[in-house]
Amino acid sequence: MQKITPFLWFDNNVEEAMNFYVSVFKNSKIISVQRQGANGPVFTATIEVEGQRLHMLNGGPQFRFTEAVSLFVDCEDQQEVDELWTKLTADGGKESRCGWLKDKFGFSWQIIPKALMQYLRDSDPVKAKRAMDAMLTMNKIDVEGLKKAHEGR
């Protein structure tokens, strides 16, 4: 078990969120659900998404998510970026800049292809800067666009 686990506060829609996240990510599952009474609404839940446990609370409207906390998803390729981007921005999610988005619950995600980090860490500072400059113009990260910028094309 993880020593540190993110704990997410939802506004009375934790059951919907739990089911949504488990449907979005291939390697995910519901670990536990505690209801308020035998047939009552979900009070807390624990899910596992790509090996990361998340505790979730039906806390009410007192607190909202902000971009100060996000989950960084290390994507293998453009296909994974596209798939997650589409699913997480569906039904009221919102695109942001540089690979960031908010899902329909207002929670922030960074959907980042491995290629971005490789280009940004290039030992050639000119190539790394070109990749950074290209990334700064993007909402969803475009791997081919990064590659062209990195190579100076």
Protein backbone atom coordinates (compact mmCIF):
# COMPACT_ATOMS: atom_id res chain seq x y z
CA MET A 1 0.00 0.00 0.00
CA GLN A 2 1.12 3.56 -0.72
CA LYS A 3 2.30 5.59 2.24
CA ILE A 4 0.84 8.79 0.71
CA THR A 5 -2.47 8.72 -1.14
CA PRO A 6 -4.28 11.72 -2.66
CA PHE A 7 -7.62 12.42 -0.94
CA LEU A 8 -10.15 14.13 -3.21
CA TRP A 9 -13.17 16.08 -1.91
CA PHE A 10 -16.22 15.97 -4.19
CA ASP A 11 -19.51 17.84 -4.01
CA ASN A 12 -21.92 14.95 -3.47
CA ASN A 13 -21.02 13.21 -6.74
CA VAL A 14 -18.29 10.83 -5.61
CA GLU A 15 -20.08 7.76 -6.96
CA GLU A 16 -20.29 9.30 -10.42
CA ALA A 17 -16.62 10.38 -10.23
CA MET A 18 -15.44 6.97 -9.05
CA ASN A 19 -17.26 5.21 -11.90
CA PHE A 20 -16.06 7.79 -14.43
CA TYR A 21 -12.36 7.48 -13.53
CA VAL A 22 -12.53 3.68 -13.53
CA SER A 23 -14.10 3.83 -17.02
CA VAL A 24 -11.46 6.25 -18.38
CA PHE A 25 -8.32 4.40 -17.35
CA LYS A 26 -7.74 0.83 -18.57
CA ASN A 27 -5.83 -0.32 -15.49
CA SER A 28 -8.22 0.76 -12.77
CA LYS A 29 -10.57 -0.68 -10.21
CA ILE A 30 -12.79 0.20 -7.28
CA ILE A 31 -11.08 -0.90 -4.05
CA SER A 32 -13.75 0.02 -1.50
CA VAL A 33 -17.00 1.92 -1.08
CA GLN A 34 -18.58 3.09 2.19
CA ARG A 35 -22.20 4.19 1.98
CA GLN A 36 -24.28 6.31 4.33
CA GLY A 37 -26.61 3.53 5.42
CA ALA A 38 -27.27 0.26 3.65
CA ASN A 39 -28.68 1.82 0.48
CA GLY A 40 -27.56 5.41 0.99
CA PRO A 41 -25.23 7.53 -1.10
CA VAL A 42 -21.52 6.83 -1.21
CA PHE A 43 -19.70 8.62 1.62
CA THR A 44 -16.13 7.56 0.83
CA ALA A 45 -14.49 5.40 -1.80
CA THR A 46 -11.04 4.22 -2.73
CA ILE A 47 -10.11 3.53 -6.33
CA GLU A 48 -6.89 2.54 -8.03
CA VAL A 49 -6.05 4.20 -11.33
CA GLU A 50 -2.96 2.95 -13.17
CA GLY A 51 -1.47 1.79 -9.86
CA GLN A 52 -2.24 5.07 -8.01
CA ARG A 53 -4.75 4.84 -5.19
CA LEU A 54 -7.13 7.74 -4.70
CA HIS A 55 -9.36 8.23 -1.67
CA MET A 56 -12.56 10.11 -2.44
CA LEU A 57 -15.06 11.86 -0.16
CA ASN A 58 -18.61 13.08 -0.72
CA GLY A 59 -17.89 16.22 1.24
CA GLY A 60 -20.37 18.73 -0.12
CA PRO A 61 -19.95 22.18 -1.68
CA GLN A 62 -17.59 23.77 0.88
CA PHE A 63 -14.39 23.20 -1.13
CA ARG A 64 -13.59 23.19 -4.86
CA PHE A 65 -10.70 21.80 -6.86
CA THR A 66 -8.08 24.23 -8.18
CA GLU A 67 -5.16 23.90 -10.56
CA ALA A 68 -2.86 23.99 -7.53
CA VAL A 69 -3.25 20.20 -7.45
CA SER A 70 -3.32 17.98 -10.53
CA LEU A 71 -2.50 14.44 -11.51
CA PHE A 72 0.29 14.01 -14.07
CA VAL A 73 -0.34 11.16 -16.52
CA ASP A 74 2.82 9.88 -18.22
CA CYS A 75 1.47 8.80 -21.64
CA GLU A 76 3.31 6.39 -23.92
CA ASP A 77 2.35 8.02 -27.22
CA GLN A 78 0.00 10.34 -29.10
CA GLN A 79 -2.72 7.69 -29.22
CA GLU A 80 -2.85 7.51 -25.41
CA VAL A 81 -2.79 11.31 -25.15
CA ASP A 82 -5.67 11.60 -27.63
CA GLU A 83 -7.74 8.91 -25.93
CA LEU A 84 -7.37 10.31 -22.41
CA TRP A 85 -7.81 13.90 -23.58
CA THR A 86 -11.08 13.04 -25.31
CA LYS A 87 -12.47 11.09 -22.37
CA LEU A 88 -11.42 13.54 -19.65
CA THR A 89 -12.70 16.64 -21.47
CA ALA A 90 -16.06 15.02 -22.34
CA ASP A 91 -19.33 16.17 -20.78
CA GLY A 92 -18.20 19.58 -19.61
CA GLY A 93 -14.46 19.10 -19.13
CA LYS A 94 -12.28 22.01 -20.24
CA GLU A 95 -9.04 22.17 -22.17
CA SER A 96 -6.24 24.31 -20.87
CA ARG A 97 -2.69 25.04 -22.00
CA CYS A 98 0.43 22.87 -22.15
CA GLY A 99 -1.27 19.51 -21.70
CA TRP A 100 -3.49 20.54 -18.77
CA LEU A 101 -7.23 20.02 -18.61
CA LYS A 102 -10.07 19.95 -16.11
CA ASP A 103 -12.48 17.05 -16.14
CA LYS A 104 -16.23 17.47 -15.68
CA PHE A 105 -15.76 17.49 -11.89
CA GLY A 106 -13.29 20.39 -12.08
CA PHE A 107 -10.26 18.24 -11.22
CA SER A 108 -7.03 19.06 -13.07
CA TRP A 109 -4.98 16.57 -15.05
CA GLN A 110 -1.74 16.87 -16.99
CA ILE A 111 -1.85 14.55 -20.01
CA ILE A 112 1.79 14.44 -21.04
CA PRO A 113 3.51 12.21 -23.63
CA LYS A 114 6.91 10.76 -22.69
CA ALA A 115 8.34 12.49 -25.78
CA LEU A 116 7.73 15.93 -24.26
CA MET A 117 9.94 15.23 -21.27
CA GLN A 118 12.62 13.71 -23.52
CA TYR A 119 12.69 16.80 -25.74
CA LEU A 120 12.66 19.24 -22.81
CA ARG A 121 15.60 17.39 -21.19
CA ASP A 122 17.71 17.37 -24.35
CA SER A 123 21.35 18.18 -23.63
CA ASP A 124 21.24 20.67 -26.52
CA PRO A 125 19.62 23.77 -24.98
CA VAL A 126 18.58 25.13 -28.39
CA LYS A 127 16.61 21.97 -29.22
CA ALA A 128 15.09 21.88 -25.73
CA LYS A 129 14.02 25.53 -26.03
CA ARG A 130 12.40 24.93 -29.41
CA ALA A 131 10.41 22.07 -27.90
CA MET A 132 9.43 24.24 -24.92
CA ASP A 133 8.35 27.09 -27.19
CA ALA A 134 6.22 24.71 -29.26
CA MET A 135 4.64 23.19 -26.14
CA LEU A 136 3.69 26.64 -24.86
CA THR A 137 1.48 27.15 -27.95
CA MET A 138 -0.43 23.88 -27.47
CA ASN A 139 -3.46 22.85 -25.49
CA LYS A 140 -3.37 19.08 -26.06
CA ILE A 141 0.26 18.10 -26.64
CA ASP A 142 1.01 17.16 -30.25
CA VAL A 143 4.01 14.79 -30.36
CA GLU A 144 4.68 15.32 -34.08
CA GLY A 145 4.59 19.10 -33.62
CA LEU A 146 7.07 18.81 -30.74
CA LYS A 147 9.34 16.59 -32.82
CA LYS A 148 9.37 19.06 -35.70
CA ALA A 149 10.13 21.96 -33.38
CA HIS A 150 12.83 19.99 -31.57
CA GLU A 151 14.50 19.14 -34.88
CA GLY A 152 14.18 22.72 -36.15
CA ARG A 153 11.78 21.90 -38.98
